[in-house]
Amino acid sequence: MDTLFETLRGIFTVLLIAMGVSIVLGCIGLAALARGIRRLRIPPDADFFTTMRYIPLPLVIVLDLLDFGLDIFSAPIIWIALDRMGLYNLRNKATIEALIPITNVIPTFTVCWFAARLFNLGMQPWPYERDVRADRPRALPRRPPAMIDMDEQRYYGPDRNDRA
């Protein structure tokens, strides 16, 4: 009986350590990916698999890590994070999947991400929609800073107008 108890204690200890590590990695990954995900331009009428084709693989891995580490308690965190990133269609599915117990050991979103690409599910992203920076206007060149000559008490600005 004592060996069974010690074995179960060892299994639970390893499981708790793995869950803790996945929570830490998931939170760090979510913070690192948040800014880049907001730049994606996903069509408003995109379905689940179309959204999966637009988002990068590290995001679905982070979602699966959070789901593994927090089980059903990951639902509000995933809801808020995906809502802030503007991934509303993915938010609904991720929250429902997080609320179903014991699905946390299956990397559901990673499997769906690969399935969307392997089986050609959803609409394919257009090349110009992948990089938002490509269609952004280029920054204008900076104007030289205004200089004030203290000896002559004159202002020499970028337009070179003299002022007394």
C-alpha atoms as a PDB file:
ATOM      1  CA  MET A   1       0.000   0.000   0.000  1.00  0.00           C
ATOM      2  CA  ASP A   2       2.849   2.372   0.774  1.00  0.00           C
ATOM      3  CA  THR A   3       4.501   1.745  -2.593  1.00  0.00           C
ATOM      4  CA  LEU A   4       1.245   2.547  -4.399  1.00  0.00           C
ATOM      5  CA  PHE A   5       0.921   5.775  -2.421  1.00  0.00           C
ATOM      6  CA  GLU A   6       4.520   6.741  -3.167  1.00  0.00           C
ATOM      7  CA  THR A   7       4.053   5.963  -6.863  1.00  0.00           C
ATOM      8  CA  LEU A   8       0.899   8.095  -7.074  1.00  0.00           C
ATOM      9  CA  ARG A   9       2.623  10.872  -5.159  1.00  0.00           C
ATOM     10  CA  GLY A  10       5.520  10.826  -7.622  1.00  0.00           C
ATOM     11  CA  ILE A  11       3.143  10.898 -10.612  1.00  0.00           C
ATOM     12  CA  PHE A  12       1.181  13.839  -9.182  1.00  0.00           C
ATOM     13  CA  THR A  13       4.398  15.701  -8.397  1.00  0.00           C
ATOM     14  CA  VAL A  14       5.652  15.328 -11.961  1.00  0.00           C
ATOM     15  CA  LEU A  15       2.229  16.331 -13.301  1.00  0.00           C
ATOM     16  CA  LEU A  16       2.104  19.451 -11.123  1.00  0.00           C
ATOM     17  CA  ILE A  17       5.619  20.462 -12.170  1.00  0.00           C
ATOM     18  CA  ALA A  18       4.724  19.981 -15.854  1.00  0.00           C
ATOM     19  CA  MET A  19       1.562  22.036 -15.411  1.00  0.00           C
ATOM     20  CA  GLY A  20       3.468  24.820 -13.648  1.00  0.00           C
ATOM     21  CA  VAL A  21       6.096  24.953 -16.376  1.00  0.00           C
ATOM     22  CA  SER A  22       3.404  25.047 -19.067  1.00  0.00           C
ATOM     23  CA  ILE A  23       1.644  27.933 -17.284  1.00  0.00           C
ATOM     24  CA  VAL A  24       4.850  29.956 -17.127  1.00  0.00           C
ATOM     25  CA  LEU A  25       5.761  29.229 -20.751  1.00  0.00           C
ATOM     26  CA  GLY A  26       2.198  29.949 -21.877  1.00  0.00           C
ATOM     27  CA  CYS A  27       2.084  33.337 -20.140  1.00  0.00           C
ATOM     28  CA  ILE A  28       5.495  34.355 -21.485  1.00  0.00           C
ATOM     29  CA  GLY A  29       4.543  33.223 -24.985  1.00  0.00           C
ATOM     30  CA  LEU A  30       1.211  35.026 -24.851  1.00  0.00           C
ATOM     31  CA  ALA A  31       2.888  38.262 -23.798  1.00  0.00           C
ATOM     32  CA  ALA A  32       5.489  37.920 -26.555  1.00  0.00           C
ATOM     33  CA  LEU A  33       2.946  37.170 -29.285  1.00  0.00           C
ATOM     34  CA  ALA A  34       0.239  39.669 -28.365  1.00  0.00           C
ATOM     35  CA  ARG A  35       1.620  42.616 -30.331  1.00  0.00           C
ATOM     36  CA  GLY A  36       2.285  40.655 -33.514  1.00  0.00           C
ATOM     37  CA  ILE A  37      -1.115  38.972 -33.462  1.00  0.00           C
ATOM     38  CA  ARG A  38      -2.929  42.315 -33.303  1.00  0.00           C
ATOM     39  CA  ARG A  39      -1.287  43.274 -36.600  1.00  0.00           C
ATOM     40  CA  LEU A  40      -2.889  40.386 -38.480  1.00  0.00           C
ATOM     41  CA  ARG A  41      -5.761  41.318 -40.754  1.00  0.00           C
ATOM     42  CA  ILE A  42      -8.194  38.440 -40.582  1.00  0.00           C
ATOM     43  CA  PRO A  43     -11.422  38.884 -42.571  1.00  0.00           C
ATOM     44  CA  PRO A  44     -14.419  39.598 -40.329  1.00  0.00           C
ATOM     45  CA  ASP A  45     -16.419  36.746 -41.888  1.00  0.00           C
ATOM     46  CA  ALA A  46     -13.627  34.178 -41.407  1.00  0.00           C
ATOM     47  CA  ASP A  47     -14.635  30.780 -40.075  1.00  0.00           C
ATOM     48  CA  PHE A  48     -12.630  28.704 -37.594  1.00  0.00           C
ATOM     49  CA  PHE A  49     -10.301  27.047 -40.110  1.00  0.00           C
ATOM     50  CA  THR A  50      -9.736  30.270 -42.042  1.00  0.00           C
ATOM     51  CA  THR A  51      -8.673  31.899 -38.780  1.00  0.00           C
ATOM     52  CA  MET A  52      -6.390  28.926 -38.131  1.00  0.00           C
ATOM     53  CA  ARG A  53      -4.718  29.517 -41.490  1.00  0.00           C
ATOM     54  CA  TYR A  54      -4.002  33.148 -40.628  1.00  0.00           C
ATOM     55  CA  ILE A  55      -2.555  32.750 -37.125  1.00  0.00           C
ATOM     56  CA  PRO A  56       1.010  31.522 -36.497  1.00  0.00           C
ATOM     57  CA  LEU A  57       1.844  28.142 -34.970  1.00  0.00           C
ATOM     58  CA  PRO A  58       3.363  29.560 -31.753  1.00  0.00           C
ATOM     59  CA  LEU A  59      -0.009  31.057 -30.770  1.00  0.00           C
ATOM     60  CA  VAL A  60      -1.828  27.720 -30.938  1.00  0.00           C
ATOM     61  CA  ILE A  61       0.997  26.060 -29.001  1.00  0.00           C
ATOM     62  CA  VAL A  62       0.710  28.749 -26.307  1.00  0.00           C
ATOM     63  CA  LEU A  63      -3.066  28.221 -26.135  1.00  0.00           C
ATOM     64  CA  ASP A  64      -2.558  24.477 -25.723  1.00  0.00           C
ATOM     65  CA  LEU A  65       0.077  25.079 -23.023  1.00  0.00           C
ATOM     66  CA  LEU A  66      -2.303  27.305 -21.075  1.00  0.00           C
ATOM     67  CA  ASP A  67      -5.090  24.767 -21.483  1.00  0.00           C
ATOM     68  CA  PHE A  68      -2.840  21.989 -20.196  1.00  0.00           C
ATOM     69  CA  GLY A  69      -1.557  23.995 -17.257  1.00  0.00           C
ATOM     70  CA  LEU A  70      -4.824  25.463 -16.042  1.00  0.00           C
ATOM     71  CA  ASP A  71      -7.405  22.958 -17.342  1.00  0.00           C
ATOM     72  CA  ILE A  72     -10.886  24.501 -16.948  1.00  0.00           C
ATOM     73  CA  PHE A  73      -9.472  27.597 -15.235  1.00  0.00           C
ATOM     74  CA  SER A  74      -7.815  28.627 -18.514  1.00  0.00           C
ATOM     75  CA  ALA A  75     -11.183  29.585 -20.049  1.00  0.00           C
ATOM     76  CA  PRO A  76     -11.323  33.174 -18.711  1.00  0.00           C
ATOM     77  CA  ILE A  77      -7.639  33.797 -19.475  1.00  0.00           C
ATOM     78  CA  ILE A  78      -7.987  32.506 -23.029  1.00  0.00           C
ATOM     79  CA  TRP A  79     -11.226  34.491 -23.487  1.00  0.00           C
ATOM     80  CA  ILE A  80      -9.626  37.781 -22.406  1.00  0.00           C
ATOM     81  CA  ALA A  81      -6.368  37.220 -24.304  1.00  0.00           C
ATOM     82  CA  LEU A  82      -8.021  36.315 -27.607  1.00  0.00           C
ATOM     83  CA  ASP A  83     -10.555  39.115 -27.201  1.00  0.00           C
ATOM     84  CA  ARG A  84      -7.744  41.662 -26.798  1.00  0.00           C
ATOM     85  CA  MET A  85      -6.007  40.243 -29.867  1.00  0.00           C
ATOM     86  CA  GLY A  86      -9.179  40.512 -31.957  1.00  0.00           C
ATOM     87  CA  LEU A  87      -9.513  36.772 -32.626  1.00  0.00           C
ATOM     88  CA  TYR A  88     -13.225  36.531 -31.794  1.00  0.00           C
ATOM     89  CA  ASN A  89     -14.013  33.369 -33.754  1.00  0.00           C
ATOM     90  CA  LEU A  90     -11.086  31.532 -32.209  1.00  0.00           C
ATOM     91  CA  ARG A  91     -11.983  32.916 -28.780  1.00  0.00           C
ATOM     92  CA  ASN A  92     -15.342  31.141 -28.722  1.00  0.00           C
ATOM     93  CA  LYS A  93     -13.958  27.747 -29.731  1.00  0.00           C
ATOM     94  CA  ALA A  94     -10.982  28.003 -27.371  1.00  0.00           C
ATOM     95  CA  THR A  95     -13.195  28.820 -24.401  1.00  0.00           C
ATOM     96  CA  ILE A  96     -15.575  25.945 -25.103  1.00  0.00           C
ATOM     97  CA  GLU A  97     -12.638  23.557 -25.499  1.00  0.00           C
ATOM     98  CA  ALA A  98     -11.095  24.822 -22.258  1.00  0.00           C
ATOM     99  CA  LEU A  99     -14.319  24.205 -20.348  1.00  0.00           C
ATOM    100  CA  ILE A 100     -14.519  20.541 -21.379  1.00  0.00           C
ATOM    101  CA  PRO A 101     -12.644  18.574 -18.722  1.00  0.00           C
ATOM    102  CA  ILE A 102      -9.829  16.147 -19.591  1.00  0.00           C
ATOM    103  CA  THR A 103      -9.300  17.601 -23.078  1.00  0.00           C
ATOM    104  CA  ASN A 104      -6.311  19.499 -21.738  1.00  0.00           C
ATOM    105  CA  VAL A 105      -3.868  16.671 -22.487  1.00  0.00           C
ATOM    106  CA  ILE A 106      -4.802  16.728 -26.193  1.00  0.00           C
ATOM    107  CA  PRO A 107      -3.227  19.668 -28.071  1.00  0.00           C
ATOM    108  CA  THR A 108      -6.497  20.413 -29.850  1.00  0.00           C
ATOM    109  CA  PHE A 109      -5.575  23.709 -31.461  1.00  0.00           C
ATOM    110  CA  THR A 110      -2.204  22.477 -32.666  1.00  0.00           C
ATOM    111  CA  VAL A 111      -3.933  19.521 -34.330  1.00  0.00           C
ATOM    112  CA  CYS A 112      -6.511  21.877 -35.907  1.00  0.00           C
ATOM    113  CA  TRP A 113      -3.743  24.207 -37.122  1.00  0.00           C
ATOM    114  CA  PHE A 114      -2.007  21.340 -38.937  1.00  0.00           C
ATOM    115  CA  ALA A 115      -5.333  19.949 -40.218  1.00  0.00           C
ATOM    116  CA  ALA A 116      -6.265  23.322 -41.715  1.00  0.00           C
ATOM    117  CA  ARG A 117      -3.049  23.272 -43.737  1.00  0.00           C
ATOM    118  CA  LEU A 118      -2.823  19.579 -44.603  1.00  0.00           C
ATOM    119  CA  PHE A 119      -6.452  19.168 -45.692  1.00  0.00           C
ATOM    120  CA  ASN A 120      -6.758  22.678 -47.176  1.00  0.00           C
ATOM    121  CA  LEU A 121      -9.617  23.675 -44.854  1.00  0.00           C
ATOM    122  CA  GLY A 122     -10.789  27.294 -44.807  1.00  0.00           C
ATOM    123  CA  MET A 123      -9.920  30.091 -47.190  1.00  0.00           C
ATOM    124  CA  GLN A 124      -6.285  30.657 -47.990  1.00  0.00           C
ATOM    125  CA  PRO A 125      -4.837  33.989 -46.818  1.00  0.00           C
ATOM    126  CA  TRP A 126      -3.997  36.496 -49.499  1.00  0.00           C
ATOM    127  CA  PRO A 127      -0.324  37.398 -49.681  1.00  0.00           C
ATOM    128  CA  TYR A 128      -0.898  41.098 -49.049  1.00  0.00           C
ATOM    129  CA  GLU A 129      -2.902  40.372 -45.905  1.00  0.00           C
ATOM    130  CA  ARG A 130      -0.085  38.531 -44.207  1.00  0.00           C
ATOM    131  CA  ASP A 131       2.136  41.547 -43.625  1.00  0.00           C
ATOM    132  CA  VAL A 132       0.419  44.711 -42.545  1.00  0.00           C
ATOM    133  CA  ARG A 133       3.669  46.645 -42.726  1.00  0.00           C
ATOM    134  CA  ALA A 134       3.830  46.174 -46.509  1.00  0.00           C
ATOM    135  CA  ASP A 135       0.921  48.525 -47.195  1.00  0.00           C
ATOM    136  CA  ARG A 136       1.740  51.053 -44.508  1.00  0.00           C
ATOM    137  CA  PRO A 137       2.913  54.427 -45.823  1.00  0.00           C
ATOM    138  CA  ARG A 138       6.562  55.059 -45.329  1.00  0.00           C
ATOM    139  CA  ALA A 139       7.557  57.563 -42.708  1.00  0.00           C
ATOM    140  CA  LEU A 140       8.350  61.046 -43.883  1.00  0.00           C
ATOM    141  CA  PRO A 141      11.949  62.162 -43.463  1.00  0.00           C
ATOM    142  CA  ARG A 142      12.547  64.063 -40.263  1.00  0.00           C
ATOM    143  CA  ARG A 143      12.954  67.768 -40.365  1.00  0.00           C
ATOM    144  CA  PRO A 144      16.135  69.122 -38.846  1.00  0.00           C
ATOM    145  CA  PRO A 145      15.686  70.381 -35.315  1.00  0.00           C
ATOM    146  CA  ALA A 146      15.283  74.096 -34.742  1.00  0.00           C
ATOM    147  CA  MET A 147      18.439  75.857 -33.620  1.00  0.00           C
ATOM    148  CA  ILE A 148      18.579  79.019 -31.575  1.00  0.00           C
ATOM    149  CA  ASP A 149      21.795  81.003 -31.742  1.00  0.00           C
ATOM    150  CA  MET A 150      22.128  82.594 -28.326  1.00  0.00           C
ATOM    151  CA  ASP A 151      24.741  85.110 -29.466  1.00  0.00           C
ATOM    152  CA  GLU A 152      22.595  86.657 -32.187  1.00  0.00           C
ATOM    153  CA  GLN A 153      19.213  85.929 -30.581  1.00  0.00           C
ATOM    154  CA  ARG A 154      17.893  84.590 -33.878  1.00  0.00           C
ATOM    155  CA  TYR A 155      15.836  81.499 -34.581  1.00  0.00           C
ATOM    156  CA  TYR A 156      16.881  79.253 -37.450  1.00  0.00           C
ATOM    157  CA  GLY A 157      14.124  76.735 -37.943  1.00  0.00           C
ATOM    158  CA  PRO A 158      13.573  74.206 -40.705  1.00  0.00           C
ATOM    159  CA  ASP A 159      11.876  76.825 -42.853  1.00  0.00           C
ATOM    160  CA  ARG A 160      14.789  79.258 -42.310  1.00  0.00           C
ATOM    161  CA  ASN A 161      12.609  82.208 -41.413  1.00  0.00           C
ATOM    162  CA  ASP A 162      14.442  84.828 -39.408  1.00  0.00           C
ATOM    163  CA  ARG A 163      12.806  86.015 -36.225  1.00  0.00           C
ATOM    164  CA  ALA A 164      14.040  88.719 -33.927  1.00  0.00           C
END
